[in-house]
Amino acid sequence: MATYDEQIITILAKAGERGMSVKKVSMQLYNINCTLFSTPDFNDIHKYVQQFLFRNSRLSQSLFCNEARGIYKLNPNSTRAQQLALIFAEDTDKEDDDKEQSRNTSPDLSLSLFDEWF
């Protein structure tokens, strides 16, 4: 179940400051873990997400905070959450740079309309 924990943290890091409802987190976690050969039970995942978020949002320095009823986000007062947000921001910047470089370095394979036929 440790992978569920990491995946929940990643999902909420992507959600940003607005946070995300428990149901949406559960749906994304379910979709991440569905494969061709195994499909987890959605109700089990939903219960796990509820318990995990509730358990980790009780204190003021907890990793998550309850934004509104049923909506959670990374706690901006938590040092661990701040570190995770920075790590996530660096990873997305690296991915964007890698995508841009791959676009720039790909050879031009388009056909020319004005070949030297004349």
PDB file of N, CA and C in Angstrom:
ATOM      1  N   MET A   1       0.803  -1.207   0.000  1.00  0.00           N
ATOM      2  CA  MET A   1       0.000   0.000   0.000  1.00  0.00           C
ATOM      3  C   MET A   1       0.844   1.269   0.000  1.00  0.00           C
ATOM      4  N   ALA A   2       2.139   1.116   0.143  1.00  0.00           N
ATOM      5  CA  ALA A   2       3.008   2.293   0.153  1.00  0.00           C
ATOM      6  C   ALA A   2       2.950   3.022  -1.180  1.00  0.00           C
ATOM      7  N   THR A   3       2.733   2.288  -2.265  1.00  0.00           N
ATOM      8  CA  THR A   3       2.651   2.963  -3.551  1.00  0.00           C
ATOM      9  C   THR A   3       1.398   3.830  -3.627  1.00  0.00           C
ATOM     10  N   TYR A   4       0.317   3.390  -2.994  1.00  0.00           N
ATOM     11  CA  TYR A   4      -0.883   4.226  -2.960  1.00  0.00           C
ATOM     12  C   TYR A   4      -0.562   5.556  -2.277  1.00  0.00           C
ATOM     13  N   ASP A   5       0.174   5.507  -1.181  1.00  0.00           N
ATOM     14  CA  ASP A   5       0.512   6.730  -0.456  1.00  0.00           C
ATOM     15  C   ASP A   5       1.276   7.702  -1.350  1.00  0.00           C
ATOM     16  N   GLU A   6       2.282   7.186  -2.027  1.00  0.00           N
ATOM     17  CA  GLU A   6       3.082   8.035  -2.918  1.00  0.00           C
ATOM     18  C   GLU A   6       2.237   8.576  -4.067  1.00  0.00           C
ATOM     19  N   GLN A   7       1.354   7.748  -4.592  1.00  0.00           N
ATOM     20  CA  GLN A   7       0.512   8.193  -5.699  1.00  0.00           C
ATOM     21  C   GLN A   7      -0.480   9.255  -5.255  1.00  0.00           C
ATOM     22  N   ILE A   8      -1.014   9.124  -4.050  1.00  0.00           N
ATOM     23  CA  ILE A   8      -1.938  10.140  -3.522  1.00  0.00           C
ATOM     24  C   ILE A   8      -1.201  11.469  -3.360  1.00  0.00           C
ATOM     25  N   ILE A   9       0.009  11.419  -2.846  1.00  0.00           N
ATOM     26  CA  ILE A   9       0.800  12.642  -2.672  1.00  0.00           C
ATOM     27  C   ILE A   9       1.068  13.288  -4.032  1.00  0.00           C
ATOM     28  N   THR A  10       1.398  12.479  -5.023  1.00  0.00           N
ATOM     29  CA  THR A  10       1.654  13.010  -6.367  1.00  0.00           C
ATOM     30  C   THR A  10       0.398  13.649  -6.955  1.00  0.00           C
ATOM     31  N   ILE A  11      -0.738  12.989  -6.781  1.00  0.00           N
ATOM     32  CA  ILE A  11      -2.005  13.515  -7.307  1.00  0.00           C
ATOM     33  C   ILE A  11      -2.318  14.868  -6.679  1.00  0.00           C
ATOM     34  N   LEU A  12      -2.169  14.968  -5.364  1.00  0.00           N
ATOM     35  CA  LEU A  12      -2.472  16.236  -4.695  1.00  0.00           C
ATOM     36  C   LEU A  12      -1.425  17.301  -4.984  1.00  0.00           C
ATOM     37  N   ALA A  13      -0.196  16.896  -5.259  1.00  0.00           N
ATOM     38  CA  ALA A  13       0.818  17.877  -5.656  1.00  0.00           C
ATOM     39  C   ALA A  13       0.462  18.466  -7.017  1.00  0.00           C
ATOM     40  N   LYS A  14      -0.049  17.634  -7.914  1.00  0.00           N
ATOM     41  CA  LYS A  14      -0.466  18.127  -9.225  1.00  0.00           C
ATOM     42  C   LYS A  14      -1.698  19.017  -9.118  1.00  0.00           C
ATOM     43  N   ALA A  15      -2.548  18.741  -8.140  1.00  0.00           N
ATOM     44  CA  ALA A  15      -3.774  19.539  -7.972  1.00  0.00           C
ATOM     45  C   ALA A  15      -3.453  20.971  -7.578  1.00  0.00           C
ATOM     46  N   GLY A  16      -2.350  21.164  -6.880  1.00  0.00           N
ATOM     47  CA  GLY A  16      -1.935  22.519  -6.528  1.00  0.00           C
ATOM     48  C   GLY A  16      -2.671  23.083  -5.338  1.00  0.00           C
ATOM     49  N   GLU A  17      -2.786  24.403  -5.330  1.00  0.00           N
ATOM     50  CA  GLU A  17      -3.358  25.107  -4.185  1.00  0.00           C
ATOM     51  C   GLU A  17      -4.868  24.951  -4.064  1.00  0.00           C
ATOM     52  N   ARG A  18      -5.532  24.613  -5.143  1.00  0.00           N
ATOM     53  CA  ARG A  18      -6.982  24.457  -5.082  1.00  0.00           C
ATOM     54  C   ARG A  18      -7.392  23.193  -4.348  1.00  0.00           C
ATOM     55  N   GLY A  19      -6.533  22.182  -4.389  1.00  0.00           N
ATOM     56  CA  GLY A  19      -6.865  20.921  -3.742  1.00  0.00           C
ATOM     57  C   GLY A  19      -7.765  20.079  -4.629  1.00  0.00           C
ATOM     58  N   MET A  20      -8.216  18.965  -4.074  1.00  0.00           N
ATOM     59  CA  MET A  20      -9.036  18.038  -4.843  1.00  0.00           C
ATOM     60  C   MET A  20      -9.928  17.259  -3.886  1.00  0.00           C
ATOM     61  N   SER A  21     -11.102  16.904  -4.354  1.00  0.00           N
ATOM     62  CA  SER A  21     -12.019  16.145  -3.518  1.00  0.00           C
ATOM     63  C   SER A  21     -11.540  14.710  -3.374  1.00  0.00           C
ATOM     64  N   VAL A  22     -11.996  14.074  -2.315  1.00  0.00           N
ATOM     65  CA  VAL A  22     -11.611  12.685  -2.045  1.00  0.00           C
ATOM     66  C   VAL A  22     -12.049  11.785  -3.189  1.00  0.00           C
ATOM     67  N   LYS A  23     -13.216  12.038  -3.733  1.00  0.00           N
ATOM     68  CA  LYS A  23     -13.726  11.198  -4.818  1.00  0.00           C
ATOM     69  C   LYS A  23     -12.846  11.314  -6.066  1.00  0.00           C
ATOM     70  N   LYS A  24     -12.419  12.522  -6.398  1.00  0.00           N
ATOM     71  CA  LYS A  24     -11.564  12.705  -7.579  1.00  0.00           C
ATOM     72  C   LYS A  24     -10.191  12.074  -7.369  1.00  0.00           C
ATOM     73  N   VAL A  25      -9.657  12.204  -6.149  1.00  0.00           N
ATOM     74  CA  VAL A  25      -8.374  11.559  -5.849  1.00  0.00           C
ATOM     75  C   VAL A  25      -8.535  10.049  -5.988  1.00  0.00           C
ATOM     76  N   SER A  26      -9.645   9.522  -5.472  1.00  0.00           N
ATOM     77  CA  SER A  26      -9.907   8.086  -5.565  1.00  0.00           C
ATOM     78  C   SER A  26     -10.028   7.637  -7.014  1.00  0.00           C
ATOM     79  N   MET A  27     -10.703   8.422  -7.827  1.00  0.00           N
ATOM     80  CA  MET A  27     -10.867   8.059  -9.241  1.00  0.00           C
ATOM     81  C   MET A  27      -9.521   8.061  -9.959  1.00  0.00           C
ATOM     82  N   GLN A  28      -8.686   9.051  -9.694  1.00  0.00           N
ATOM     83  CA  GLN A  28      -7.378   9.095 -10.345  1.00  0.00           C
ATOM     84  C   GLN A  28      -6.486   7.952  -9.876  1.00  0.00           C
ATOM     85  N   LEU A  29      -6.538   7.646  -8.584  1.00  0.00           N
ATOM     86  CA  LEU A  29      -5.755   6.534  -8.050  1.00  0.00           C
ATOM     87  C   LEU A  29      -6.228   5.215  -8.656  1.00  0.00           C
ATOM     88  N   TYR A  30      -7.526   5.071  -8.795  1.00  0.00           N
ATOM     89  CA  TYR A  30      -8.090   3.871  -9.420  1.00  0.00           C
ATOM     90  C   TYR A  30      -7.611   3.752 -10.868  1.00  0.00           C
ATOM     91  N   ASN A  31      -7.659   4.847 -11.604  1.00  0.00           N
ATOM     92  CA  ASN A  31      -7.233   4.825 -13.010  1.00  0.00           C
ATOM     93  C   ASN A  31      -5.743   4.543 -13.154  1.00  0.00           C
ATOM     94  N   ILE A  32      -4.941   5.034 -12.231  1.00  0.00           N
ATOM     95  CA  ILE A  32      -3.511   4.769 -12.284  1.00  0.00           C
ATOM     96  C   ILE A  32      -3.225   3.285 -12.096  1.00  0.00           C
ATOM     97  N   ASN A  33      -3.993   2.631 -11.223  1.00  0.00           N
ATOM     98  CA  ASN A  33      -3.708   1.247 -10.854  1.00  0.00           C
ATOM     99  C   ASN A  33      -4.490   0.218 -11.654  1.00  0.00           C
ATOM    100  N   CYS A  34      -5.354   0.642 -12.546  1.00  0.00           N
ATOM    101  CA  CYS A  34      -6.062  -0.304 -13.410  1.00  0.00           C
ATOM    102  C   CYS A  34      -5.120  -0.766 -14.517  1.00  0.00           C
ATOM    103  N   THR A  35      -5.064  -2.062 -14.694  1.00  0.00           N
ATOM    104  CA  THR A  35      -4.271  -2.619 -15.771  1.00  0.00           C
ATOM    105  C   THR A  35      -5.133  -3.590 -16.551  1.00  0.00           C
ATOM    106  N   LEU A  36      -4.569  -4.130 -17.584  1.00  0.00           N
ATOM    107  CA  LEU A  36      -5.290  -5.082 -18.404  1.00  0.00           C
ATOM    108  C   LEU A  36      -5.603  -6.354 -17.627  1.00  0.00           C
ATOM    109  N   PHE A  37      -4.720  -6.719 -16.709  1.00  0.00           N
ATOM    110  CA  PHE A  37      -4.851  -7.989 -16.014  1.00  0.00           C
ATOM    111  C   PHE A  37      -5.401  -7.888 -14.607  1.00  0.00           C
ATOM    112  N   SER A  38      -5.443  -6.694 -14.037  1.00  0.00           N
ATOM    113  CA  SER A  38      -5.998  -6.548 -12.683  1.00  0.00           C
ATOM    114  C   SER A  38      -6.716  -5.208 -12.565  1.00  0.00           C
ATOM    115  N   THR A  39      -7.869  -5.268 -11.958  1.00  0.00           N
ATOM    116  CA  THR A  39      -8.625  -4.054 -11.680  1.00  0.00           C
ATOM    117  C   THR A  39      -8.962  -4.051 -10.194  1.00  0.00           C
ATOM    118  N   PRO A  40      -8.444  -3.077  -9.470  1.00  0.00           N
ATOM    119  CA  PRO A  40      -8.748  -3.013  -8.040  1.00  0.00           C
ATOM    120  C   PRO A  40     -10.193  -2.592  -7.821  1.00  0.00           C
ATOM    121  N   ASP A  41     -10.696  -2.871  -6.642  1.00  0.00           N
ATOM    122  CA  ASP A  41     -12.060  -2.484  -6.296  1.00  0.00           C
ATOM    123  C   ASP A  41     -12.087  -0.991  -5.956  1.00  0.00           C
ATOM    124  N   PHE A  42     -12.961  -0.259  -6.621  1.00  0.00           N
ATOM    125  CA  PHE A  42     -13.014   1.190  -6.424  1.00  0.00           C
ATOM    126  C   PHE A  42     -13.404   1.534  -4.990  1.00  0.00           C
ATOM    127  N   ASN A  43     -14.327   0.785  -4.406  1.00  0.00           N
ATOM    128  CA  ASN A  43     -14.760   1.089  -3.037  1.00  0.00           C
ATOM    129  C   ASN A  43     -13.620   0.917  -2.033  1.00  0.00           C
ATOM    130  N   ASP A  44     -12.779  -0.091  -2.233  1.00  0.00           N
ATOM    131  CA  ASP A  44     -11.627  -0.281  -1.352  1.00  0.00           C
ATOM    132  C   ASP A  44     -10.645   0.881  -1.482  1.00  0.00           C
ATOM    133  N   ILE A  45     -10.411   1.310  -2.707  1.00  0.00           N
ATOM    134  CA  ILE A  45      -9.505   2.441  -2.929  1.00  0.00           C
ATOM    135  C   ILE A  45     -10.083   3.711  -2.313  1.00  0.00           C
ATOM    136  N   HIS A  46     -11.366   3.929  -2.488  1.00  0.00           N
ATOM    137  CA  HIS A  46     -12.013   5.128  -1.944  1.00  0.00           C
ATOM    138  C   HIS A  46     -11.911   5.148  -0.411  1.00  0.00           C
ATOM    139  N   LYS A  47     -12.158   4.023   0.227  1.00  0.00           N
ATOM    140  CA  LYS A  47     -12.039   3.951   1.683  1.00  0.00           C
ATOM    141  C   LYS A  47     -10.605   4.200   2.124  1.00  0.00           C
ATOM    142  N   TYR A  48      -9.651   3.643   1.387  1.00  0.00           N
ATOM    143  CA  TYR A  48      -8.245   3.837   1.729  1.00  0.00           C
ATOM    144  C   TYR A  48      -7.865   5.312   1.616  1.00  0.00           C
ATOM    145  N   VAL A  49      -8.295   5.964   0.541  1.00  0.00           N
ATOM    146  CA  VAL A  49      -7.983   7.386   0.341  1.00  0.00           C
ATOM    147  C   VAL A  49      -8.596   8.224   1.454  1.00  0.00           C
ATOM    148  N   GLN A  50      -9.851   7.944   1.803  1.00  0.00           N
ATOM    149  CA  GLN A  50     -10.505   8.682   2.883  1.00  0.00           C
ATOM    150  C   GLN A  50      -9.729   8.559   4.182  1.00  0.00           C
ATOM    151  N   GLN A  51      -9.379   7.327   4.541  1.00  0.00           N
ATOM    152  CA  GLN A  51      -8.672   7.099   5.797  1.00  0.00           C
ATOM    153  C   GLN A  51      -7.279   7.712   5.782  1.00  0.00           C
ATOM    154  N   PHE A  52      -6.585   7.579   4.655  1.00  0.00           N
ATOM    155  CA  PHE A  52      -5.232   8.116   4.547  1.00  0.00           C
ATOM    156  C   PHE A  52      -5.237   9.632   4.675  1.00  0.00           C
ATOM    157  N   LEU A  53      -6.147  10.298   3.969  1.00  0.00           N
ATOM    158  CA  LEU A  53      -6.180  11.764   4.026  1.00  0.00           C
ATOM    159  C   LEU A  53      -6.633  12.258   5.393  1.00  0.00           C
ATOM    160  N   PHE A  54      -7.617  11.583   5.981  1.00  0.00           N
ATOM    161  CA  PHE A  54      -8.079  11.995   7.304  1.00  0.00           C
ATOM    162  C   PHE A  54      -6.978  11.801   8.342  1.00  0.00           C
ATOM    163  N   ARG A  55      -6.289  10.680   8.270  1.00  0.00           N
ATOM    164  CA  ARG A  55      -5.229  10.355   9.225  1.00  0.00           C
ATOM    165  C   ARG A  55      -4.053  11.339   9.104  1.00  0.00           C
ATOM    166  N   ASN A  56      -3.776  11.802   7.901  1.00  0.00           N
ATOM    167  CA  ASN A  56      -2.628  12.680   7.666  1.00  0.00           C
ATOM    168  C   ASN A  56      -2.999  14.150   7.562  1.00  0.00           C
ATOM    169  N   SER A  57      -4.151  14.529   8.093  1.00  0.00           N
ATOM    170  CA  SER A  57      -4.528  15.952   8.063  1.00  0.00           C
ATOM    171  C   SER A  57      -5.031  16.428   9.415  1.00  0.00           C
ATOM    172  N   ARG A  58      -4.771  15.689  10.458  1.00  0.00           N
ATOM    173  CA  ARG A  58      -5.294  16.041  11.785  1.00  0.00           C
ATOM    174  C   ARG A  58      -4.567  17.227  12.417  1.00  0.00           C
ATOM    175  N   LEU A  59      -3.259  17.249  12.319  1.00  0.00           N
ATOM    176  CA  LEU A  59      -2.464  18.274  13.006  1.00  0.00           C
ATOM    177  C   LEU A  59      -2.192  19.467  12.100  1.00  0.00           C
ATOM    178  N   SER A  60      -1.765  20.564  12.708  1.00  0.00           N
ATOM    179  CA  SER A  60      -1.500  21.767  11.910  1.00  0.00           C
ATOM    180  C   SER A  60      -0.254  21.599  11.037  1.00  0.00           C
ATOM    181  N   GLN A  61       0.677  20.726  11.426  1.00  0.00           N
ATOM    182  CA  GLN A  61       1.882  20.479  10.633  1.00  0.00           C
ATOM    183  C   GLN A  61       1.788  19.205   9.806  1.00  0.00           C
ATOM    184  N   SER A  62       0.600  18.665   9.631  1.00  0.00           N
ATOM    185  CA  SER A  62       0.407  17.452   8.845  1.00  0.00           C
ATOM    186  C   SER A  62       0.712  17.718   7.381  1.00  0.00           C
ATOM    187  N   LEU A  63       0.896  16.637   6.650  1.00  0.00           N
ATOM    188  CA  LEU A  63       1.226  16.750   5.225  1.00  0.00           C
ATOM    189  C   LEU A  63       0.083  17.351   4.417  1.00  0.00           C
ATOM    190  N   PHE A  64      -1.152  17.042   4.793  1.00  0.00           N
ATOM    191  CA  PHE A  64      -2.334  17.537   4.080  1.00  0.00           C
ATOM    192  C   PHE A  64      -3.152  18.422   4.989  1.00  0.00           C
ATOM    193  N   CYS A  65      -3.962  19.277   4.376  1.00  0.00           N
ATOM    194  CA  CYS A  65      -4.917  20.052   5.148  1.00  0.00           C
ATOM    195  C   CYS A  65      -6.271  19.964   4.450  1.00  0.00           C
ATOM    196  N   ASN A  66      -7.300  20.100   5.257  1.00  0.00           N
ATOM    197  CA  ASN A  66      -8.662  20.010   4.761  1.00  0.00           C
ATOM    198  C   ASN A  66      -9.101  21.404   4.338  1.00  0.00           C
ATOM    199  N   GLU A  67      -9.191  21.629   3.032  1.00  0.00           N
ATOM    200  CA  GLU A  67      -9.555  22.945   2.489  1.00  0.00           C
ATOM    201  C   GLU A  67     -11.031  23.253   2.747  1.00  0.00           C
ATOM    202  N   ALA A  68     -11.872  22.314   2.461  1.00  0.00           N
ATOM    203  CA  ALA A  68     -13.307  22.398   2.710  1.00  0.00           C
ATOM    204  C   ALA A  68     -13.764  20.980   2.990  1.00  0.00           C
ATOM    205  N   ARG A  69     -15.035  20.792   3.150  1.00  0.00           N
ATOM    206  CA  ARG A  69     -15.510  19.446   3.460  1.00  0.00           C
ATOM    207  C   ARG A  69     -15.225  18.506   2.291  1.00  0.00           C
ATOM    208  N   GLY A  70     -14.365  17.533   2.535  1.00  0.00           N
ATOM    209  CA  GLY A  70     -14.044  16.536   1.528  1.00  0.00           C
ATOM    210  C   GLY A  70     -13.011  16.973   0.511  1.00  0.00           C
ATOM    211  N   ILE A  71     -12.452  18.160   0.658  1.00  0.00           N
ATOM    212  CA  ILE A  71     -11.442  18.659  -0.284  1.00  0.00           C
ATOM    213  C   ILE A  71     -10.123  18.817   0.463  1.00  0.00           C
ATOM    214  N   TYR A  72      -9.097  18.169  -0.055  1.00  0.00           N
ATOM    215  CA  TYR A  72      -7.788  18.179   0.590  1.00  0.00           C
ATOM    216  C   TYR A  72      -6.746  18.749  -0.365  1.00  0.00           C
ATOM    217  N   LYS A  73      -5.688  19.283   0.237  1.00  0.00           N
ATOM    218  CA  LYS A  73      -4.555  19.777  -0.534  1.00  0.00           C
ATOM    219  C   LYS A  73      -3.305  19.604   0.311  1.00  0.00           C
ATOM    220  N   LEU A  74      -2.137  19.796  -0.311  1.00  0.00           N
ATOM    221  CA  LEU A  74      -0.904  19.779   0.459  1.00  0.00           C
ATOM    222  C   LEU A  74      -0.907  20.967   1.406  1.00  0.00           C
ATOM    223  N   ASN A  75      -0.507  20.735   2.626  1.00  0.00           N
ATOM    224  CA  ASN A  75      -0.520  21.764   3.654  1.00  0.00           C
ATOM    225  C   ASN A  75       0.620  22.752   3.415  1.00  0.00           C
ATOM    226  N   PRO A  76       0.322  24.026   3.165  1.00  0.00           N
ATOM    227  CA  PRO A  76       1.402  24.997   2.919  1.00  0.00           C
ATOM    228  C   PRO A  76       2.244  25.279   4.157  1.00  0.00           C
ATOM    229  N   ASN A  77       1.755  24.936   5.352  1.00  0.00           N
ATOM    230  CA  ASN A  77       2.504  25.157   6.590  1.00  0.00           C
ATOM    231  C   ASN A  77       3.447  24.004   6.917  1.00  0.00           C
ATOM    232  N   SER A  78       3.322  22.903   6.212  1.00  0.00           N
ATOM    233  CA  SER A  78       4.142  21.737   6.472  1.00  0.00           C
ATOM    234  C   SER A  78       5.447  21.829   5.684  1.00  0.00           C
ATOM    235  N   THR A  79       6.564  21.614   6.357  1.00  0.00           N
ATOM    236  CA  THR A  79       7.853  21.675   5.667  1.00  0.00           C
ATOM    237  C   THR A  79       8.007  20.534   4.673  1.00  0.00           C
ATOM    238  N   ARG A  80       7.479  19.373   5.016  1.00  0.00           N
ATOM    239  CA  ARG A  80       7.553  18.231   4.098  1.00  0.00           C
ATOM    240  C   ARG A  80       6.750  18.505   2.825  1.00  0.00           C
ATOM    241  N   ALA A  81       5.578  19.104   2.972  1.00  0.00           N
ATOM    242  CA  ALA A  81       4.753  19.428   1.805  1.00  0.00           C
ATOM    243  C   ALA A  81       5.432  20.470   0.932  1.00  0.00           C
ATOM    244  N   GLN A  82       6.107  21.438   1.555  1.00  0.00           N
ATOM    245  CA  GLN A  82       6.829  22.448   0.783  1.00  0.00           C
ATOM    246  C   GLN A  82       7.955  21.813  -0.012  1.00  0.00           C
ATOM    247  N   GLN A  83       8.668  20.866   0.596  1.00  0.00           N
ATOM    248  CA  GLN A  83       9.735  20.168  -0.114  1.00  0.00           C
ATOM    249  C   GLN A  83       9.178  19.357  -1.272  1.00  0.00           C
ATOM    250  N   LEU A  84       8.056  18.681  -1.045  1.00  0.00           N
ATOM    251  CA  LEU A  84       7.438  17.898  -2.106  1.00  0.00           C
ATOM    252  C   LEU A  84       6.973  18.789  -3.253  1.00  0.00           C
ATOM    253  N   ALA A  85       6.438  19.950  -2.930  1.00  0.00           N
ATOM    254  CA  ALA A  85       5.995  20.874  -3.966  1.00  0.00           C
ATOM    255  C   ALA A  85       7.179  21.356  -4.795  1.00  0.00           C
ATOM    256  N   LEU A  86       8.300  21.624  -4.147  1.00  0.00           N
ATOM    257  CA  LEU A  86       9.498  22.051  -4.877  1.00  0.00           C
ATOM    258  C   LEU A  86      10.034  20.933  -5.759  1.00  0.00           C
ATOM    259  N   ILE A  87      10.075  19.729  -5.229  1.00  0.00           N
ATOM    260  CA  ILE A  87      10.552  18.587  -6.016  1.00  0.00           C
ATOM    261  C   ILE A  87       9.645  18.364  -7.214  1.00  0.00           C
ATOM    262  N   PHE A  88       8.334  18.457  -7.003  1.00  0.00           N
ATOM    263  CA  PHE A  88       7.393  18.267  -8.097  1.00  0.00           C
ATOM    264  C   PHE A  88       7.545  19.358  -9.143  1.00  0.00           C
ATOM    265  N   ALA A  89       7.761  20.599  -8.710  1.00  0.00           N
ATOM    266  CA  ALA A  89       7.941  21.703  -9.649  1.00  0.00           C
ATOM    267  C   ALA A  89       9.212  21.511 -10.468  1.00  0.00           C
ATOM    268  N   GLU A  90      10.281  21.039  -9.829  1.00  0.00           N
ATOM    269  CA  GLU A  90      11.531  20.782 -10.558  1.00  0.00           C
ATOM    270  C   GLU A  90      11.353  19.667 -11.579  1.00  0.00           C
ATOM    271  N   ASP A  91      10.624  18.621 -11.204  1.00  0.00           N
ATOM    272  CA  ASP A  91      10.400  17.504 -12.125  1.00  0.00           C
ATOM    273  C   ASP A  91       9.601  17.935 -13.341  1.00  0.00           C
ATOM    274  N   THR A  92       8.576  18.760 -13.140  1.00  0.00           N
ATOM    275  CA  THR A  92       7.780  19.208 -14.280  1.00  0.00           C
ATOM    276  C   THR A  92       8.585  20.145 -15.169  1.00  0.00           C
ATOM    277  N   ASP A  93       9.461  20.966 -14.569  1.00  0.00           N
ATOM    278  CA  ASP A  93      10.324  21.836 -15.376  1.00  0.00           C
ATOM    279  C   ASP A  93      11.273  21.008 -16.225  1.00  0.00           C
ATOM    280  N   LYS A  94      11.834  19.953 -15.657  1.00  0.00           N
ATOM    281  CA  LYS A  94      12.738  19.076 -16.401  1.00  0.00           C
ATOM    282  C   LYS A  94      12.005  18.381 -17.542  1.00  0.00           C
ATOM    283  N   GLU A  95      10.782  17.931 -17.279  1.00  0.00           N
ATOM    284  CA  GLU A  95       9.998  17.274 -18.325  1.00  0.00           C
ATOM    285  C   GLU A  95       9.684  18.235 -19.456  1.00  0.00           C
ATOM    286  N   ASP A  96       9.343  19.475 -19.115  1.00  0.00           N
ATOM    287  CA  ASP A  96       9.061  20.483 -20.137  1.00  0.00           C
ATOM    288  C   ASP A  96      10.303  20.774 -20.969  1.00  0.00           C
ATOM    289  N   ASP A  97      11.459  20.876 -20.298  1.00  0.00           N
ATOM    290  CA  ASP A  97      12.707  21.118 -21.025  1.00  0.00           C
ATOM    291  C   ASP A  97      13.044  19.951 -21.940  1.00  0.00           C
ATOM    292  N   ASP A  98      12.841  18.736 -21.457  1.00  0.00           N
ATOM    293  CA  ASP A  98      13.122  17.556 -22.275  1.00  0.00           C
ATOM    294  C   ASP A  98      12.207  17.506 -23.502  1.00  0.00           C
ATOM    295  N   LYS A  99      10.943  17.840 -23.326  1.00  0.00           N
ATOM    296  CA  LYS A  99      10.010  17.859 -24.452  1.00  0.00           C
ATOM    297  C   LYS A  99      10.407  18.917 -25.472  1.00  0.00           C
ATOM    298  N   GLU A 100      10.809  20.086 -24.991  1.00  0.00           N
ATOM    299  CA  GLU A 100      11.206  21.166 -25.888  1.00  0.00           C
ATOM    300  C   GLU A 100      12.468  20.799 -26.659  1.00  0.00           C
ATOM    301  N   GLN A 101      13.423  20.169 -25.975  1.00  0.00           N
ATOM    302  CA  GLN A 101      14.650  19.758 -26.643  1.00  0.00           C
ATOM    303  C   GLN A 101      14.378  18.678 -27.679  1.00  0.00           C
ATOM    304  N   SER A 102      13.484  17.757 -27.373  1.00  0.00           N
ATOM    305  CA  SER A 102      13.187  16.701 -28.338  1.00  0.00           C
ATOM    306  C   SER A 102      12.488  17.274 -29.570  1.00  0.00           C
ATOM    307  N   ARG A 103      11.698  18.318 -29.375  1.00  0.00           N
ATOM    308  CA  ARG A 103      11.059  18.969 -30.524  1.00  0.00           C
ATOM    309  C   ARG A 103      12.093  19.694 -31.378  1.00  0.00           C
ATOM    310  N   ASN A 104      13.050  20.332 -30.733  1.00  0.00           N
ATOM    311  CA  ASN A 104      14.054  21.118 -31.450  1.00  0.00           C
ATOM    312  C   ASN A 104      15.089  20.253 -32.143  1.00  0.00           C
ATOM    313  N   THR A 105      15.373  19.081 -31.641  1.00  0.00           N
ATOM    314  CA  THR A 105      16.429  18.254 -32.211  1.00  0.00           C
ATOM    315  C   THR A 105      15.916  17.245 -33.228  1.00  0.00           C
ATOM    316  N   SER A 106      14.620  17.147 -33.412  1.00  0.00           N
ATOM    317  CA  SER A 106      14.114  16.172 -34.375  1.00  0.00           C
ATOM    318  C   SER A 106      14.386  16.676 -35.799  1.00  0.00           C
ATOM    319  N   PRO A 107      14.823  15.782 -36.677  1.00  0.00           N
ATOM    320  CA  PRO A 107      15.134  16.200 -38.047  1.00  0.00           C
ATOM    321  C   PRO A 107      13.863  16.541 -38.820  1.00  0.00           C
ATOM    322  N   ASP A 108      14.009  17.412 -39.764  1.00  0.00           N
ATOM    323  CA  ASP A 108      12.891  17.825 -40.606  1.00  0.00           C
ATOM    324  C   ASP A 108      12.700  16.796 -41.712  1.00  0.00           C
ATOM    325  N   LEU A 109      11.644  16.026 -41.605  1.00  0.00           N
ATOM    326  CA  LEU A 109      11.367  14.973 -42.582  1.00  0.00           C
ATOM    327  C   LEU A 109      10.225  15.344 -43.521  1.00  0.00           C
ATOM    328  N   SER A 110       9.856  16.607 -43.520  1.00  0.00           N
ATOM    329  CA  SER A 110       8.750  17.033 -44.366  1.00  0.00           C
ATOM    330  C   SER A 110       9.183  17.073 -45.837  1.00  0.00           C
ATOM    331  N   LEU A 111       8.226  16.907 -46.695  1.00  0.00           N
ATOM    332  CA  LEU A 111       8.496  16.941 -48.132  1.00  0.00           C
ATOM    333  C   LEU A 111       8.526  18.380 -48.620  1.00  0.00           C
ATOM    334  N   SER A 112       9.398  18.640 -49.526  1.00  0.00           N
ATOM    335  CA  SER A 112       9.511  19.978 -50.066  1.00  0.00           C
ATOM    336  C   SER A 112       8.623  20.101 -51.294  1.00  0.00           C
ATOM    337  N   LEU A 113       7.910  21.177 -51.356  1.00  0.00           N
ATOM    338  CA  LEU A 113       7.041  21.406 -52.526  1.00  0.00           C
ATOM    339  C   LEU A 113       7.829  21.909 -53.726  1.00  0.00           C
ATOM    340  N   PHE A 114       8.974  22.481 -53.454  1.00  0.00           N
ATOM    341  CA  PHE A 114       9.750  23.101 -54.517  1.00  0.00           C
ATOM    342  C   PHE A 114      11.072  22.378 -54.721  1.00  0.00           C
ATOM    343  N   ASP A 115      11.003  21.109 -55.049  1.00  0.00           N
ATOM    344  CA  ASP A 115      12.227  20.358 -55.363  1.00  0.00           C
ATOM    345  C   ASP A 115      12.840  20.904 -56.647  1.00  0.00           C
ATOM    346  N   GLU A 116      14.023  20.502 -56.881  1.00  0.00           N
ATOM    347  CA  GLU A 116      14.730  20.988 -58.050  1.00  0.00           C
ATOM    348  C   GLU A 116      14.331  20.193 -59.295  1.00  0.00           C
ATOM    349  N   TRP A 117      13.107  20.346 -59.706  1.00  0.00           N
ATOM    350  CA  TRP A 117      12.604  19.659 -60.894  1.00  0.00           C
ATOM    351  C   TRP A 117      12.761  20.523 -62.139  1.00  0.00           C
ATOM    352  N   PHE A 118      12.939  21.762 -61.916  1.00  0.00           N
ATOM    353  CA  PHE A 118      12.953  22.679 -63.051  1.00  0.00           C
ATOM    354  C   PHE A 118      14.318  22.876 -63.604  1.00  0.00           C
TER     355      PHE A 118
END
